[in-house]
Full PDB file with SEQRES, HELIX, SHEET, SSBOND, CRYST1, ORIGX, SCALE, CONECT and MASTER records, all heavy atoms in Angstrom:
SEQRES   1 A   32  ARG VAL ASP PRO ASP PRO ARG SER HIS ASN GLU PHE LYS          
SEQRES   2 A   32  GLY GLU ILE LYS ASP GLY GLN ILE THR ILE SER GLU HIS          
SEQRES   3 A   32  LYS PRO LEU ARG LEU LEU                                      
HELIX    1 AA1 PRO A    6  SER A    8  5                                   3    
SHEET    1 AA1 2 GLY A  14  LYS A  17  0                                        
SHEET    2 AA1 2 GLN A  20  ILE A  23 -1                                        
CRYST1    1.000    1.000    1.000  90.00  90.00  90.00 P 1           1          
ORIGX1      1.000000  0.000000  0.000000        0.00000                         
ORIGX2      0.000000  1.000000  0.000000        0.00000                         
ORIGX3      0.000000  0.000000  1.000000        0.00000                         
SCALE1      1.000000  0.000000  0.000000        0.00000                         
SCALE2      0.000000  1.000000  0.000000        0.00000                         
SCALE3      0.000000  0.000000  1.000000        0.00000                         
ATOM      1  N   ARG A   1     121.471  97.908 146.113  1.00  0.00           N  
ATOM      2  CA  ARG A   1     122.579  98.862 146.071  1.00  0.00           C  
ATOM      3  C   ARG A   1     123.572  98.391 145.011  1.00  0.00           C  
ATOM      4  O   ARG A   1     123.882  97.214 144.936  1.00  0.00           O  
ATOM      5  CB  ARG A   1     123.232  98.882 147.463  1.00  0.00           C  
ATOM      6  CG  ARG A   1     124.226  99.963 147.655  1.00  0.00           C  
ATOM      7  CD  ARG A   1     124.753  99.947 149.072  1.00  0.00           C  
ATOM      8  NE  ARG A   1     125.408  98.687 149.325  1.00  0.00           N  
ATOM      9  CZ  ARG A   1     125.246  97.931 150.432  1.00  0.00           C  
ATOM     10  NH1 ARG A   1     124.450  98.327 151.386  1.00  0.00           N  
ATOM     11  NH2 ARG A   1     125.868  96.809 150.560  1.00  0.00           N  
ATOM     12  N   VAL A   2     124.059  99.308 144.193  1.00  0.00           N  
ATOM     13  CA  VAL A   2     125.055  98.985 143.175  1.00  0.00           C  
ATOM     14  C   VAL A   2     126.348  98.577 143.874  1.00  0.00           C  
ATOM     15  O   VAL A   2     126.842  99.287 144.753  1.00  0.00           O  
ATOM     16  CB  VAL A   2     125.309 100.181 142.244  1.00  0.00           C  
ATOM     17  CG1 VAL A   2     126.460  99.903 141.286  1.00  0.00           C  
ATOM     18  CG2 VAL A   2     124.042 100.548 141.490  1.00  0.00           C  
ATOM     19  N   ASP A   3     126.879  97.463 143.498  1.00  0.00           N  
ATOM     20  CA  ASP A   3     128.162  97.014 144.049  1.00  0.00           C  
ATOM     21  C   ASP A   3     129.269  97.826 143.354  1.00  0.00           C  
ATOM     22  O   ASP A   3     129.372  97.786 142.125  1.00  0.00           O  
ATOM     23  CB  ASP A   3     128.345  95.515 143.777  1.00  0.00           C  
ATOM     24  CG  ASP A   3     129.605  94.951 144.394  1.00  0.00           C  
ATOM     25  OD1 ASP A   3     130.490  95.706 144.834  1.00  0.00           O  
ATOM     26  OD2 ASP A   3     129.728  93.709 144.422  1.00  0.00           O  
ATOM     27  N   PRO A   4     130.092  98.538 144.113  1.00  0.00           N  
ATOM     28  CA  PRO A   4     131.105  99.361 143.468  1.00  0.00           C  
ATOM     29  C   PRO A   4     132.265  98.535 142.882  1.00  0.00           C  
ATOM     30  O   PRO A   4     133.083  99.079 142.153  1.00  0.00           O  
ATOM     31  CB  PRO A   4     131.595 100.247 144.623  1.00  0.00           C  
ATOM     32  CG  PRO A   4     131.273  99.522 145.860  1.00  0.00           C  
ATOM     33  CD  PRO A   4     130.049  98.700 145.562  1.00  0.00           C  
ATOM     34  N   ASP A   5     132.320  97.265 143.166  1.00  0.00           N  
ATOM     35  CA  ASP A   5     133.382  96.398 142.629  1.00  0.00           C  
ATOM     36  C   ASP A   5     133.198  96.260 141.110  1.00  0.00           C  
ATOM     37  O   ASP A   5     132.174  95.782 140.637  1.00  0.00           O  
ATOM     38  CB  ASP A   5     133.295  95.024 143.287  1.00  0.00           C  
ATOM     39  CG  ASP A   5     134.474  94.137 142.945  1.00  0.00           C  
ATOM     40  OD1 ASP A   5     135.078  94.308 141.857  1.00  0.00           O  
ATOM     41  OD2 ASP A   5     134.812  93.262 143.767  1.00  0.00           O  
ATOM     42  N   PRO A   6     134.186  96.686 140.320  1.00  0.00           N  
ATOM     43  CA  PRO A   6     134.035  96.629 138.861  1.00  0.00           C  
ATOM     44  C   PRO A   6     133.883  95.201 138.321  1.00  0.00           C  
ATOM     45  O   PRO A   6     133.415  95.017 137.218  1.00  0.00           O  
ATOM     46  CB  PRO A   6     135.327  97.274 138.331  1.00  0.00           C  
ATOM     47  CG  PRO A   6     136.275  97.276 139.476  1.00  0.00           C  
ATOM     48  CD  PRO A   6     135.478  97.266 140.736  1.00  0.00           C  
ATOM     49  N   ARG A   7     134.217  94.206 139.137  1.00  0.00           N  
ATOM     50  CA  ARG A   7     134.051  92.823 138.673  1.00  0.00           C  
ATOM     51  C   ARG A   7     132.584  92.430 138.620  1.00  0.00           C  
ATOM     52  O   ARG A   7     132.238  91.366 138.077  1.00  0.00           O  
ATOM     53  CB  ARG A   7     134.794  91.857 139.596  1.00  0.00           C  
ATOM     54  CG  ARG A   7     136.310  92.069 139.568  1.00  0.00           C  
ATOM     55  CD  ARG A   7     136.992  91.183 140.565  1.00  0.00           C  
ATOM     56  NE  ARG A   7     136.520  91.506 141.917  1.00  0.00           N  
ATOM     57  CZ  ARG A   7     136.745  90.751 142.981  1.00  0.00           C  
ATOM     58  NH1 ARG A   7     137.402  89.617 142.887  1.00  0.00           N  
ATOM     59  NH2 ARG A   7     136.293  91.137 144.172  1.00  0.00           N  
ATOM     60  N   SER A   8     131.710  93.267 139.122  1.00  0.00           N  
ATOM     61  CA  SER A   8     130.287  92.935 139.083  1.00  0.00           C  
ATOM     62  C   SER A   8     129.528  93.788 138.043  1.00  0.00           C  
ATOM     63  O   SER A   8     128.309  93.807 138.050  1.00  0.00           O  
ATOM     64  CB  SER A   8     129.657  93.123 140.457  1.00  0.00           C  
ATOM     65  OG  SER A   8     129.643  94.488 140.817  1.00  0.00           O  
ATOM     66  N   HIS A   9     130.249  94.458 137.160  1.00  0.00           N  
ATOM     67  CA  HIS A   9     129.622  95.340 136.160  1.00  0.00           C  
ATOM     68  C   HIS A   9     129.908  94.805 134.754  1.00  0.00           C  
ATOM     69  O   HIS A   9     131.031  94.540 134.391  1.00  0.00           O  
ATOM     70  CB  HIS A   9     130.189  96.763 136.254  1.00  0.00           C  
ATOM     71  CG  HIS A   9     129.847  97.414 137.559  1.00  0.00           C  
ATOM     72  ND1 HIS A   9     129.143  98.589 137.636  1.00  0.00           N  
ATOM     73  CD2 HIS A   9     130.083  97.076 138.844  1.00  0.00           C  
ATOM     74  CE1 HIS A   9     128.987  98.934 138.886  1.00  0.00           C  
ATOM     75  NE2 HIS A   9     129.549  98.016 139.636  1.00  0.00           N  
ATOM     76  N   ASN A  10     128.847  94.698 133.962  1.00  0.00           N  
ATOM     77  CA  ASN A  10     128.939  94.334 132.567  1.00  0.00           C  
ATOM     78  C   ASN A  10     127.914  95.160 131.824  1.00  0.00           C  
ATOM     79  O   ASN A  10     126.833  95.428 132.332  1.00  0.00           O  
ATOM     80  CB  ASN A  10     128.619  92.847 132.346  1.00  0.00           C  
ATOM     81  CG  ASN A  10     129.683  91.942 132.905  1.00  0.00           C  
ATOM     82  OD1 ASN A  10     130.564  91.504 132.196  1.00  0.00           O  
ATOM     83  ND2 ASN A  10     129.613  91.645 134.189  1.00  0.00           N  
ATOM     84  N   GLU A  11     128.233  95.574 130.616  1.00  0.00           N  
ATOM     85  CA  GLU A  11     127.282  96.294 129.789  1.00  0.00           C  
ATOM     86  C   GLU A  11     127.237  95.660 128.411  1.00  0.00           C  
ATOM     87  O   GLU A  11     128.260  95.282 127.842  1.00  0.00           O  
ATOM     88  CB  GLU A  11     127.710  97.761 129.642  1.00  0.00           C  
ATOM     89  CG  GLU A  11     127.608  98.572 130.908  1.00  0.00           C  
ATOM     90  CD  GLU A  11     127.966 100.028 130.712  1.00  0.00           C  
ATOM     91  OE1 GLU A  11     127.951 100.512 129.547  1.00  0.00           O  
ATOM     92  OE2 GLU A  11     128.258 100.693 131.731  1.00  0.00           O  
ATOM     93  N   PHE A  12     126.035  95.532 127.904  1.00  0.00           N  
ATOM     94  CA  PHE A  12     125.798  94.955 126.587  1.00  0.00           C  
ATOM     95  C   PHE A  12     124.813  95.850 125.807  1.00  0.00           C  
ATOM     96  O   PHE A  12     123.890  96.384 126.408  1.00  0.00           O  
ATOM     97  CB  PHE A  12     125.191  93.555 126.680  1.00  0.00           C  
ATOM     98  CG  PHE A  12     126.132  92.528 127.210  1.00  0.00           C  
ATOM     99  CD1 PHE A  12     126.313  92.333 128.551  1.00  0.00           C  
ATOM    100  CD2 PHE A  12     126.831  91.708 126.319  1.00  0.00           C  
ATOM    101  CE1 PHE A  12     127.172  91.362 129.042  1.00  0.00           C  
ATOM    102  CE2 PHE A  12     127.691  90.754 126.791  1.00  0.00           C  
ATOM    103  CZ  PHE A  12     127.867  90.580 128.151  1.00  0.00           C  
ATOM    104  N   LYS A  13     125.009  95.974 124.524  1.00  0.00           N  
ATOM    105  CA  LYS A  13     124.044  96.668 123.684  1.00  0.00           C  
ATOM    106  C   LYS A  13     122.952  95.672 123.344  1.00  0.00           C  
ATOM    107  O   LYS A  13     123.211  94.481 123.142  1.00  0.00           O  
ATOM    108  CB  LYS A  13     124.698  97.197 122.415  1.00  0.00           C  
ATOM    109  CG  LYS A  13     125.680  98.297 122.697  1.00  0.00           C  
ATOM    110  CD  LYS A  13     126.307  98.819 121.435  1.00  0.00           C  
ATOM    111  CE  LYS A  13     127.316  99.911 121.804  1.00  0.00           C  
ATOM    112  NZ  LYS A  13     128.053 100.380 120.671  1.00  0.00           N  
ATOM    113  N   GLY A  14     121.729  96.180 123.281  1.00  0.00           N  
ATOM    114  CA  GLY A  14     120.620  95.303 122.965  1.00  0.00           C  
ATOM    115  C   GLY A  14     119.468  96.065 122.376  1.00  0.00           C  
ATOM    116  O   GLY A  14     119.560  97.250 122.053  1.00  0.00           O  
ATOM    117  N   GLU A  15     118.333  95.352 122.218  1.00  0.00           N  
ATOM    118  CA  GLU A  15     117.144  95.993 121.665  1.00  0.00           C  
ATOM    119  C   GLU A  15     115.899  95.339 122.230  1.00  0.00           C  
ATOM    120  O   GLU A  15     115.925  94.218 122.712  1.00  0.00           O  
ATOM    121  CB  GLU A  15     117.145  95.902 120.147  1.00  0.00           C  
ATOM    122  CG  GLU A  15     117.032  94.494 119.596  1.00  0.00           C  
ATOM    123  CD  GLU A  15     117.026  94.455 118.068  1.00  0.00           C  
ATOM    124  OE1 GLU A  15     117.270  95.501 117.448  1.00  0.00           O  
ATOM    125  OE2 GLU A  15     116.788  93.382 117.535  1.00  0.00           O  
ATOM    126  N   ILE A  16     114.836  96.109 122.175  1.00  0.00           N  
ATOM    127  CA  ILE A  16     113.510  95.618 122.542  1.00  0.00           C  
ATOM    128  C   ILE A  16     112.686  95.630 121.273  1.00  0.00           C  
ATOM    129  O   ILE A  16     112.550  96.645 120.621  1.00  0.00           O  
ATOM    130  CB  ILE A  16     112.846  96.488 123.602  1.00  0.00           C  
ATOM    131  CG1 ILE A  16     113.689  96.550 124.867  1.00  0.00           C  
ATOM    132  CG2 ILE A  16     111.437  95.961 123.917  1.00  0.00           C  
ATOM    133  CD1 ILE A  16     113.190  97.545 125.904  1.00  0.00           C  
ATOM    134  N   LYS A  17     112.170  94.458 120.890  1.00  0.00           N  
ATOM    135  CA  LYS A  17     111.396  94.339 119.655  1.00  0.00           C  
ATOM    136  C   LYS A  17     110.312  93.272 119.884  1.00  0.00           C  
ATOM    137  O   LYS A  17     110.626  92.158 120.306  1.00  0.00           O  
ATOM    138  CB  LYS A  17     112.287  93.973 118.491  1.00  0.00           C  
ATOM    139  CG  LYS A  17     111.587  93.906 117.167  1.00  0.00           C  
ATOM    140  CD  LYS A  17     112.568  93.591 116.052  1.00  0.00           C  
ATOM    141  CE  LYS A  17     111.844  93.497 114.729  1.00  0.00           C  
ATOM    142  NZ  LYS A  17     112.779  93.129 113.645  1.00  0.00           N  
ATOM    143  N   ASP A  18     109.077  93.631 119.560  1.00  0.00           N  
ATOM    144  CA  ASP A  18     107.947  92.702 119.690  1.00  0.00           C  
ATOM    145  C   ASP A  18     107.862  92.080 121.073  1.00  0.00           C  
ATOM    146  O   ASP A  18     107.630  90.866 121.229  1.00  0.00           O  
ATOM    147  CB  ASP A  18     108.011  91.613 118.620  1.00  0.00           C  
ATOM    148  CG  ASP A  18     107.974  92.159 117.201  1.00  0.00           C  
ATOM    149  OD1 ASP A  18     107.260  93.182 116.998  1.00  0.00           O  
ATOM    150  OD2 ASP A  18     108.618  91.595 116.305  1.00  0.00           O  
ATOM    151  N   GLY A  19     108.104  92.879 122.124  1.00  0.00           N  
ATOM    152  CA  GLY A  19     107.991  92.403 123.484  1.00  0.00           C  
ATOM    153  C   GLY A  19     109.118  91.501 123.931  1.00  0.00           C  
ATOM    154  O   GLY A  19     109.003  90.795 124.936  1.00  0.00           O  
ATOM    155  N   GLN A  20     110.221  91.519 123.190  1.00  0.00           N  
ATOM    156  CA  GLN A  20     111.368  90.666 123.550  1.00  0.00           C  
ATOM    157  C   GLN A  20     112.650  91.523 123.650  1.00  0.00           C  
ATOM    158  O   GLN A  20     112.883  92.374 122.813  1.00  0.00           O  
ATOM    159  CB  GLN A  20     111.536  89.600 122.474  1.00  0.00           C  
ATOM    160  CG  GLN A  20     112.583  88.572 122.814  1.00  0.00           C  
ATOM    161  CD  GLN A  20     112.451  87.346 121.954  1.00  0.00           C  
ATOM    162  OE1 GLN A  20     111.601  86.524 122.191  1.00  0.00           O  
ATOM    163  NE2 GLN A  20     113.295  87.236 120.951  1.00  0.00           N  
ATOM    164  N   ILE A  21     113.432  91.268 124.685  1.00  0.00           N  
ATOM    165  CA  ILE A  21     114.700  91.942 124.895  1.00  0.00           C  
ATOM    166  C   ILE A  21     115.811  90.988 124.488  1.00  0.00           C  
ATOM    167  O   ILE A  21     115.849  89.844 124.978  1.00  0.00           O  
ATOM    168  CB  ILE A  21     114.878  92.362 126.355  1.00  0.00           C  
ATOM    169  CG1 ILE A  21     113.752  93.315 126.784  1.00  0.00           C  
ATOM    170  CG2 ILE A  21     116.260  92.982 126.587  1.00  0.00           C  
ATOM    171  CD1 ILE A  21     113.692  93.571 128.273  1.00  0.00           C  
ATOM    172  N   THR A  22     116.692  91.458 123.633  1.00  0.00           N  
ATOM    173  CA  THR A  22     117.843  90.634 123.240  1.00  0.00           C  
ATOM    174  C   THR A  22     119.103  91.497 123.262  1.00  0.00           C  
ATOM    175  O   THR A  22     119.020  92.722 123.133  1.00  0.00           O  
ATOM    176  CB  THR A  22     117.716  90.041 121.828  1.00  0.00           C  
ATOM    177  OG1 THR A  22     117.490  91.110 120.899  1.00  0.00           O  
ATOM    178  CG2 THR A  22     116.558  89.062 121.738  1.00  0.00           C  
ATOM    179  N   ILE A  23     120.244  90.865 123.472  1.00  0.00           N  
ATOM    180  CA  ILE A  23     121.498  91.624 123.340  1.00  0.00           C  
ATOM    181  C   ILE A  23     122.057  91.383 121.952  1.00  0.00           C  
ATOM    182  O   ILE A  23     121.897  90.315 121.361  1.00  0.00           O  
ATOM    183  CB  ILE A  23     122.542  91.253 124.433  1.00  0.00           C  
ATOM    184  CG1 ILE A  23     122.871  89.770 124.450  1.00  0.00           C  
ATOM    185  CG2 ILE A  23     122.044  91.672 125.800  1.00  0.00           C  
ATOM    186  CD1 ILE A  23     124.002  89.403 125.385  1.00  0.00           C  
ATOM    187  N   SER A  24     122.660  92.419 121.412  1.00  0.00           N  
ATOM    188  CA  SER A  24     123.147  92.354 120.046  1.00  0.00           C  
ATOM    189  C   SER A  24     124.644  92.156 119.940  1.00  0.00           C  
ATOM    190  O   SER A  24     125.166  91.936 118.857  1.00  0.00           O  
ATOM    191  CB  SER A  24     122.726  93.620 119.274  1.00  0.00           C  
ATOM    192  OG  SER A  24     123.195  94.775 119.949  1.00  0.00           O  
ATOM    193  N   GLU A  25     125.356  92.265 121.062  1.00  0.00           N  
ATOM    194  CA  GLU A  25     126.778  91.986 121.040  1.00  0.00           C  
ATOM    195  C   GLU A  25     127.058  90.782 121.948  1.00  0.00           C  
ATOM    196  O   GLU A  25     126.571  90.716 123.061  1.00  0.00           O  
ATOM    197  CB  GLU A  25     127.591  93.210 121.473  1.00  0.00           C  
ATOM    198  CG  GLU A  25     127.153  93.827 122.782  1.00  0.00           C  
ATOM    199  CD  GLU A  25     127.920  95.094 123.095  1.00  0.00           C  
ATOM    200  OE1 GLU A  25     128.811  95.508 122.328  1.00  0.00           O  
ATOM    201  OE2 GLU A  25     127.639  95.673 124.141  1.00  0.00           O  
ATOM    202  N   HIS A  26     127.721  89.809 121.402  1.00  0.00           N  
ATOM    203  CA  HIS A  26     127.912  88.530 122.074  1.00  0.00           C  
ATOM    204  C   HIS A  26     129.325  88.406 122.598  1.00  0.00           C  
ATOM    205  O   HIS A  26     130.109  87.598 122.138  1.00  0.00           O  
ATOM    206  CB  HIS A  26     127.503  87.391 121.140  1.00  0.00           C  
ATOM    207  CG  HIS A  26     126.144  87.554 120.595  1.00  0.00           C  
ATOM    208  ND1 HIS A  26     125.016  87.439 121.385  1.00  0.00           N  
ATOM    209  CD2 HIS A  26     125.699  87.888 119.367  1.00  0.00           C  
ATOM    210  CE1 HIS A  26     123.950  87.658 120.655  1.00  0.00           C  
ATOM    211  NE2 HIS A  26     124.323  87.950 119.426  1.00  0.00           N  
ATOM    212  N   LYS A  27     129.611  89.220 123.606  1.00  0.00           N  
ATOM    213  CA  LYS A  27     130.959  89.267 124.170  1.00  0.00           C  
ATOM    214  C   LYS A  27     130.962  88.505 125.502  1.00  0.00           C  
ATOM    215  O   LYS A  27     129.923  88.024 125.952  1.00  0.00           O  
ATOM    216  CB  LYS A  27     131.383  90.732 124.355  1.00  0.00           C  
ATOM    217  CG  LYS A  27     130.498  91.509 125.290  1.00  0.00           C  
ATOM    218  CD  LYS A  27     130.901  92.970 125.353  1.00  0.00           C  
ATOM    219  CE  LYS A  27     130.066  93.742 126.360  1.00  0.00           C  
ATOM    220  NZ  LYS A  27     130.453  95.117 126.450  1.00  0.00           N  
ATOM    221  N   PRO A  28     132.120  88.441 126.172  1.00  0.00           N  
ATOM    222  CA  PRO A  28     132.176  87.734 127.450  1.00  0.00           C  
ATOM    223  C   PRO A  28     131.374  88.441 128.545  1.00  0.00           C  
ATOM    224  O   PRO A  28     131.268  89.672 128.550  1.00  0.00           O  
ATOM    225  CB  PRO A  28     133.655  87.740 127.796  1.00  0.00           C  
ATOM    226  CG  PRO A  28     134.376  87.894 126.495  1.00  0.00           C  
ATOM    227  CD  PRO A  28     133.454  88.757 125.678  1.00  0.00           C  
ATOM    228  N   LEU A  29     130.844  87.646 129.445  1.00  0.00           N  
ATOM    229  CA  LEU A  29     130.165  88.131 130.649  1.00  0.00           C  
ATOM    230  C   LEU A  29     130.885  87.512 131.828  1.00  0.00           C  
ATOM    231  O   LEU A  29     131.123  86.299 131.852  1.00  0.00           O  
ATOM    232  CB  LEU A  29     128.707  87.691 130.651  1.00  0.00           C  
ATOM    233  CG  LEU A  29     127.948  87.899 131.963  1.00  0.00           C  
ATOM    234  CD1 LEU A  29     127.620  89.386 132.153  1.00  0.00           C  
ATOM    235  CD2 LEU A  29     126.704  87.081 132.006  1.00  0.00           C  
ATOM    236  N   ARG A  30     131.237  88.315 132.785  1.00  0.00           N  
ATOM    237  CA  ARG A  30     131.925  87.817 133.973  1.00  0.00           C  
ATOM    238  C   ARG A  30     131.318  88.512 135.173  1.00  0.00           C  
ATOM    239  O   ARG A  30     131.350  89.746 135.261  1.00  0.00           O  
ATOM    240  CB  ARG A  30     133.426  88.087 133.874  1.00  0.00           C  
ATOM    241  CG  ARG A  30     134.226  87.438 134.948  1.00  0.00           C  
ATOM    242  CD  ARG A  30     135.704  87.538 134.611  1.00  0.00           C  
ATOM    243  NE  ARG A  30     136.537  87.175 135.716  1.00  0.00           N  
ATOM    244  CZ  ARG A  30     136.881  85.922 136.020  1.00  0.00           C  
ATOM    245  NH1 ARG A  30     136.459  84.921 135.282  1.00  0.00           N  
ATOM    246  NH2 ARG A  30     137.653  85.670 137.049  1.00  0.00           N  
ATOM    247  N   LEU A  31     130.751  87.737 136.087  1.00  0.00           N  
ATOM    248  CA  LEU A  31     130.098  88.267 137.273  1.00  0.00           C  
ATOM    249  C   LEU A  31     130.535  87.534 138.517  1.00  0.00           C  
ATOM    250  O   LEU A  31     130.717  86.309 138.477  1.00  0.00           O  
ATOM    251  CB  LEU A  31     128.577  88.095 137.179  1.00  0.00           C  
ATOM    252  CG  LEU A  31     127.810  88.929 136.164  1.00  0.00           C  
ATOM    253  CD1 LEU A  31     126.355  88.505 136.119  1.00  0.00           C  
ATOM    254  CD2 LEU A  31     127.919  90.404 136.497  1.00  0.00           C  
ATOM    255  N   LEU A  32     130.701  88.266 139.585  1.00  0.00           N  
ATOM    256  CA  LEU A  32     130.902  87.604 140.881  1.00  0.00           C  
ATOM    257  C   LEU A  32     129.591  86.878 141.177  1.00  0.00           C  
ATOM    258  O   LEU A  32     128.509  87.375 140.937  1.00  0.00           O  
ATOM    259  CB  LEU A  32     131.182  88.642 141.963  1.00  0.00           C  
ATOM    260  CG  LEU A  32     132.459  89.436 141.804  1.00  0.00           C  
ATOM    261  CD1 LEU A  32     132.601  90.434 142.932  1.00  0.00           C  
ATOM    262  CD2 LEU A  32     133.673  88.502 141.756  1.00  0.00           C  
TER     263      LEU A  32                                                      
MASTER        0    0    0    1    2    0    0    6  262    1    0    3          
END                                                                             
């Protein structure tokens, strides 16, 4: 179930290339 608390939500842009997933923006991540 998605936790409705916004402190548990982060979004990053990324890509899938040659069977590998990477994020392209290196910003802060904060999770409960």
